[in-house]
Amino acid sequence: MKEKKQRTKLTREQIKNLQALEPDALPLAEGAKDLLDMLPEEDEFESPHYDKPVPGEGP
């Protein structure tokens, strides 16, 4: 006896509930543009410039 692959199929109601909770978590529709790709590229995680403390200066 061959085992059939079981697939989980979400009902339309479940999909609507998920969209209400987290609309950005669902995959984009085909041909839709990701709004994050439209933002100008900036390195948000770049650390600010840090100067090493000079001995004798500061608190």
PDB file of N, CA and C in Angstrom:
ATOM      1  N   MET A   1       0.836  -1.187   0.000  1.00  0.00           N
ATOM      2  CA  MET A   1       0.000   0.000   0.000  1.00  0.00           C
ATOM      3  C   MET A   1       0.882   1.251   0.000  1.00  0.00           C
ATOM      4  N   LYS A   2       0.662   2.120  -0.964  1.00  0.00           N
ATOM      5  CA  LYS A   2       1.452   3.350  -1.022  1.00  0.00           C
ATOM      6  C   LYS A   2       0.823   4.406  -0.124  1.00  0.00           C
ATOM      7  N   GLU A   3       1.707   5.108   0.569  1.00  0.00           N
ATOM      8  CA  GLU A   3       1.198   6.195   1.410  1.00  0.00           C
ATOM      9  C   GLU A   3       1.010   7.443   0.562  1.00  0.00           C
ATOM     10  N   LYS A   4      -0.121   8.046   0.719  1.00  0.00           N
ATOM     11  CA  LYS A   4      -0.372   9.291  -0.002  1.00  0.00           C
ATOM     12  C   LYS A   4       0.206  10.446   0.813  1.00  0.00           C
ATOM     13  N   LYS A   5       0.809  11.370   0.092  1.00  0.00           N
ATOM     14  CA  LYS A   5       1.329  12.550   0.781  1.00  0.00           C
ATOM     15  C   LYS A   5       0.150  13.397   1.239  1.00  0.00           C
ATOM     16  N   GLN A   6       0.181  13.706   2.503  1.00  0.00           N
ATOM     17  CA  GLN A   6      -0.896  14.538   3.025  1.00  0.00           C
ATOM     18  C   GLN A   6      -0.473  15.999   2.937  1.00  0.00           C
ATOM     19  N   ARG A   7      -1.313  16.789   2.351  1.00  0.00           N
ATOM     20  CA  ARG A   7      -1.046  18.219   2.239  1.00  0.00           C
ATOM     21  C   ARG A   7      -2.070  18.965   3.077  1.00  0.00           C
ATOM     22  N   THR A   8      -1.576  19.983   3.718  1.00  0.00           N
ATOM     23  CA  THR A   8      -2.508  20.807   4.477  1.00  0.00           C
ATOM     24  C   THR A   8      -3.034  21.892   3.557  1.00  0.00           C
ATOM     25  N   LYS A   9      -4.301  21.936   3.463  1.00  0.00           N
ATOM     26  CA  LYS A   9      -4.926  22.945   2.623  1.00  0.00           C
ATOM     27  C   LYS A   9      -5.718  23.881   3.533  1.00  0.00           C
ATOM     28  N   LEU A  10      -5.345  25.146   3.470  1.00  0.00           N
ATOM     29  CA  LEU A  10      -6.030  26.113   4.315  1.00  0.00           C
ATOM     30  C   LEU A  10      -7.352  26.516   3.675  1.00  0.00           C
ATOM     31  N   THR A  11      -8.340  26.673   4.528  1.00  0.00           N
ATOM     32  CA  THR A  11      -9.620  27.153   4.018  1.00  0.00           C
ATOM     33  C   THR A  11      -9.517  28.656   3.777  1.00  0.00           C
ATOM     34  N   ARG A  12     -10.427  29.177   2.998  1.00  0.00           N
ATOM     35  CA  ARG A  12     -10.410  30.621   2.721  1.00  0.00           C
ATOM     36  C   ARG A  12     -10.562  31.421   4.007  1.00  0.00           C
ATOM     37  N   GLU A  13     -11.354  30.888   4.932  1.00  0.00           N
ATOM     38  CA  GLU A  13     -11.559  31.575   6.213  1.00  0.00           C
ATOM     39  C   GLU A  13     -10.248  31.631   7.001  1.00  0.00           C
ATOM     40  N   GLN A  14      -9.501  30.541   7.006  1.00  0.00           N
ATOM     41  CA  GLN A  14      -8.215  30.518   7.704  1.00  0.00           C
ATOM     42  C   GLN A  14      -7.237  31.503   7.074  1.00  0.00           C
ATOM     43  N   ILE A  15      -7.247  31.594   5.755  1.00  0.00           N
ATOM     44  CA  ILE A  15      -6.356  32.525   5.066  1.00  0.00           C
ATOM     45  C   ILE A  15      -6.720  33.963   5.428  1.00  0.00           C
ATOM     46  N   LYS A  16      -8.013  34.266   5.470  1.00  0.00           N
ATOM     47  CA  LYS A  16      -8.440  35.615   5.853  1.00  0.00           C
ATOM     48  C   LYS A  16      -8.000  35.929   7.275  1.00  0.00           C
ATOM     49  N   ASN A  17      -8.109  34.948   8.170  1.00  0.00           N
ATOM     50  CA  ASN A  17      -7.677  35.156   9.550  1.00  0.00           C
ATOM     51  C   ASN A  17      -6.182  35.423   9.615  1.00  0.00           C
ATOM     52  N   LEU A  18      -5.404  34.690   8.830  1.00  0.00           N
ATOM     53  CA  LEU A  18      -3.957  34.901   8.808  1.00  0.00           C
ATOM     54  C   LEU A  18      -3.618  36.272   8.239  1.00  0.00           C
ATOM     55  N   GLN A  19      -4.320  36.681   7.200  1.00  0.00           N
ATOM     56  CA  GLN A  19      -4.072  37.995   6.606  1.00  0.00           C
ATOM     57  C   GLN A  19      -4.386  39.103   7.601  1.00  0.00           C
ATOM     58  N   ALA A  20      -5.411  38.907   8.393  1.00  0.00           N
ATOM     59  CA  ALA A  20      -5.778  39.911   9.384  1.00  0.00           C
ATOM     60  C   ALA A  20      -4.705  40.001  10.470  1.00  0.00           C
ATOM     61  N   LEU A  21      -4.141  38.858  10.831  1.00  0.00           N
ATOM     62  CA  LEU A  21      -3.110  38.851  11.871  1.00  0.00           C
ATOM     63  C   LEU A  21      -1.799  39.434  11.370  1.00  0.00           C
ATOM     64  N   GLU A  22      -1.352  38.969  10.238  1.00  0.00           N
ATOM     65  CA  GLU A  22      -0.032  39.354   9.721  1.00  0.00           C
ATOM     66  C   GLU A  22      -0.080  39.393   8.204  1.00  0.00           C
ATOM     67  N   PRO A  23      -0.526  40.494   7.627  1.00  0.00           N
ATOM     68  CA  PRO A  23      -0.686  40.539   6.170  1.00  0.00           C
ATOM     69  C   PRO A  23       0.626  40.377   5.406  1.00  0.00           C
ATOM     70  N   ASP A  24       1.743  40.807   5.994  1.00  0.00           N
ATOM     71  CA  ASP A  24       3.022  40.728   5.294  1.00  0.00           C
ATOM     72  C   ASP A  24       3.662  39.344   5.373  1.00  0.00           C
ATOM     73  N   ALA A  25       3.093  38.458   6.182  1.00  0.00           N
ATOM     74  CA  ALA A  25       3.707  37.145   6.361  1.00  0.00           C
ATOM     75  C   ALA A  25       3.337  36.182   5.233  1.00  0.00           C
ATOM     76  N   LEU A  26       2.302  36.496   4.510  1.00  0.00           N
ATOM     77  CA  LEU A  26       1.872  35.604   3.440  1.00  0.00           C
ATOM     78  C   LEU A  26       2.663  35.883   2.167  1.00  0.00           C
ATOM     79  N   PRO A  27       2.846  34.888   1.343  1.00  0.00           N
ATOM     80  CA  PRO A  27       3.591  35.106   0.098  1.00  0.00           C
ATOM     81  C   PRO A  27       2.873  36.103  -0.809  1.00  0.00           C
ATOM     82  N   LEU A  28       3.667  36.803  -1.609  1.00  0.00           N
ATOM     83  CA  LEU A  28       3.102  37.793  -2.523  1.00  0.00           C
ATOM     84  C   LEU A  28       2.384  37.101  -3.676  1.00  0.00           C
ATOM     85  N   ALA A  29       1.378  37.758  -4.179  1.00  0.00           N
ATOM     86  CA  ALA A  29       0.693  37.240  -5.359  1.00  0.00           C
ATOM     87  C   ALA A  29       1.653  37.317  -6.538  1.00  0.00           C
ATOM     88  N   GLU A  30       1.441  36.471  -7.521  1.00  0.00           N
ATOM     89  CA  GLU A  30       2.336  36.456  -8.676  1.00  0.00           C
ATOM     90  C   GLU A  30       2.301  37.806  -9.379  1.00  0.00           C
ATOM     91  N   GLY A  31       3.479  38.357  -9.650  1.00  0.00           N
ATOM     92  CA  GLY A  31       3.563  39.632 -10.345  1.00  0.00           C
ATOM     93  C   GLY A  31       3.466  40.837  -9.424  1.00  0.00           C
ATOM     94  N   ALA A  32       3.177  40.611  -8.133  1.00  0.00           N
ATOM     95  CA  ALA A  32       3.093  41.733  -7.194  1.00  0.00           C
ATOM     96  C   ALA A  32       4.498  42.182  -6.800  1.00  0.00           C
ATOM     97  N   LYS A  33       4.636  43.474  -6.588  1.00  0.00           N
ATOM     98  CA  LYS A  33       5.944  44.002  -6.204  1.00  0.00           C
ATOM     99  C   LYS A  33       6.033  44.066  -4.686  1.00  0.00           C
ATOM    100  N   ASP A  34       7.175  43.677  -4.168  1.00  0.00           N
ATOM    101  CA  ASP A  34       7.408  43.779  -2.739  1.00  0.00           C
ATOM    102  C   ASP A  34       7.724  45.234  -2.427  1.00  0.00           C
ATOM    103  N   LEU A  35       6.961  45.826  -1.519  1.00  0.00           N
ATOM    104  CA  LEU A  35       7.168  47.239  -1.208  1.00  0.00           C
ATOM    105  C   LEU A  35       8.533  47.486  -0.576  1.00  0.00           C
ATOM    106  N   LEU A  36       9.076  46.480   0.093  1.00  0.00           N
ATOM    107  CA  LEU A  36      10.406  46.646   0.682  1.00  0.00           C
ATOM    108  C   LEU A  36      11.466  46.824  -0.395  1.00  0.00           C
ATOM    109  N   ASP A  37      11.251  46.228  -1.558  1.00  0.00           N
ATOM    110  CA  ASP A  37      12.214  46.368  -2.652  1.00  0.00           C
ATOM    111  C   ASP A  37      12.192  47.774  -3.239  1.00  0.00           C
ATOM    112  N   MET A  38      11.125  48.498  -2.987  1.00  0.00           N
ATOM    113  CA  MET A  38      10.996  49.835  -3.555  1.00  0.00           C
ATOM    114  C   MET A  38      11.656  50.904  -2.684  1.00  0.00           C
ATOM    115  N   LEU A  39      12.009  50.556  -1.461  1.00  0.00           N
ATOM    116  CA  LEU A  39      12.671  51.515  -0.577  1.00  0.00           C
ATOM    117  C   LEU A  39      14.097  51.753  -1.050  1.00  0.00           C
ATOM    118  N   PRO A  40      14.614  52.972  -0.854  1.00  0.00           N
ATOM    119  CA  PRO A  40      16.016  53.201  -1.214  1.00  0.00           C
ATOM    120  C   PRO A  40      16.920  52.352  -0.326  1.00  0.00           C
ATOM    121  N   GLU A  41      17.986  51.868  -0.902  1.00  0.00           N
ATOM    122  CA  GLU A  41      18.869  50.992  -0.137  1.00  0.00           C
ATOM    123  C   GLU A  41      19.747  51.802   0.800  1.00  0.00           C
ATOM    124  N   GLU A  42      19.630  51.519   2.066  1.00  0.00           N
ATOM    125  CA  GLU A  42      20.476  52.130   3.085  1.00  0.00           C
ATOM    126  C   GLU A  42      20.867  51.017   4.035  1.00  0.00           C
ATOM    127  N   ASP A  43      22.045  51.137   4.550  1.00  0.00           N
ATOM    128  CA  ASP A  43      22.483  50.132   5.507  1.00  0.00           C
ATOM    129  C   ASP A  43      22.015  50.559   6.890  1.00  0.00           C
ATOM    130  N   GLU A  44      20.874  50.029   7.295  1.00  0.00           N
ATOM    131  CA  GLU A  44      20.303  50.403   8.582  1.00  0.00           C
ATOM    132  C   GLU A  44      21.133  49.878   9.745  1.00  0.00           C
ATOM    133  N   PHE A  45      21.898  48.844   9.479  1.00  0.00           N
ATOM    134  CA  PHE A  45      22.591  48.180  10.568  1.00  0.00           C
ATOM    135  C   PHE A  45      24.045  48.612  10.681  1.00  0.00           C
ATOM    136  N   GLU A  46      24.416  49.627   9.924  1.00  0.00           N
ATOM    137  CA  GLU A  46      25.782  50.118  10.004  1.00  0.00           C
ATOM    138  C   GLU A  46      25.945  50.832  11.339  1.00  0.00           C
ATOM    139  N   SER A  47      26.976  50.474  12.069  1.00  0.00           N
ATOM    140  CA  SER A  47      27.171  51.090  13.376  1.00  0.00           C
ATOM    141  C   SER A  47      27.668  52.522  13.197  1.00  0.00           C
ATOM    142  N   PRO A  48      27.300  53.403  14.115  1.00  0.00           N
ATOM    143  CA  PRO A  48      27.751  54.791  14.007  1.00  0.00           C
ATOM    144  C   PRO A  48      29.268  54.881  14.160  1.00  0.00           C
ATOM    145  N   HIS A  49      29.830  55.950  13.645  1.00  0.00           N
ATOM    146  CA  HIS A  49      31.280  56.143  13.724  1.00  0.00           C
ATOM    147  C   HIS A  49      31.692  56.229  15.191  1.00  0.00           C
ATOM    148  N   TYR A  50      32.726  55.519  15.547  1.00  0.00           N
ATOM    149  CA  TYR A  50      33.184  55.489  16.932  1.00  0.00           C
ATOM    150  C   TYR A  50      34.636  55.922  16.978  1.00  0.00           C
ATOM    151  N   ASP A  51      34.901  56.959  17.760  1.00  0.00           N
ATOM    152  CA  ASP A  51      36.282  57.407  17.973  1.00  0.00           C
ATOM    153  C   ASP A  51      36.796  56.770  19.248  1.00  0.00           C
ATOM    154  N   LYS A  52      37.998  56.234  19.169  1.00  0.00           N
ATOM    155  CA  LYS A  52      38.592  55.645  20.363  1.00  0.00           C
ATOM    156  C   LYS A  52      38.886  56.757  21.368  1.00  0.00           C
ATOM    157  N   PRO A  53      38.660  56.489  22.643  1.00  0.00           N
ATOM    158  CA  PRO A  53      38.937  57.521  23.644  1.00  0.00           C
ATOM    159  C   PRO A  53      40.438  57.819  23.718  1.00  0.00           C
ATOM    160  N   VAL A  54      40.735  59.081  23.929  1.00  0.00           N
ATOM    161  CA  VAL A  54      42.130  59.507  24.054  1.00  0.00           C
ATOM    162  C   VAL A  54      42.480  59.478  25.532  1.00  0.00           C
ATOM    163  N   PRO A  55      43.579  58.827  25.903  1.00  0.00           N
ATOM    164  CA  PRO A  55      43.966  58.799  27.321  1.00  0.00           C
ATOM    165  C   PRO A  55      44.149  60.219  27.854  1.00  0.00           C
ATOM    166  N   GLY A  56      43.633  60.455  29.045  1.00  0.00           N
ATOM    167  CA  GLY A  56      43.763  61.765  29.670  1.00  0.00           C
ATOM    168  C   GLY A  56      42.575  62.668  29.394  1.00  0.00           C
ATOM    169  N   GLU A  57      41.710  62.295  28.445  1.00  0.00           N
ATOM    170  CA  GLU A  57      40.518  63.101  28.159  1.00  0.00           C
ATOM    171  C   GLU A  57      39.277  62.340  28.609  1.00  0.00           C
ATOM    172  N   GLY A  58      38.245  63.075  28.865  1.00  0.00           N
ATOM    173  CA  GLY A  58      36.992  62.437  29.237  1.00  0.00           C
ATOM    174  C   GLY A  58      36.816  62.348  30.739  1.00  0.00           C
ATOM    175  N   PRO A  59      35.772  61.705  31.186  1.00  0.00           N
ATOM    176  CA  PRO A  59      35.465  61.632  32.627  1.00  0.00           C
ATOM    177  C   PRO A  59      36.441  60.792  33.415  1.00  0.00           C
TER     178      PRO A  59
END
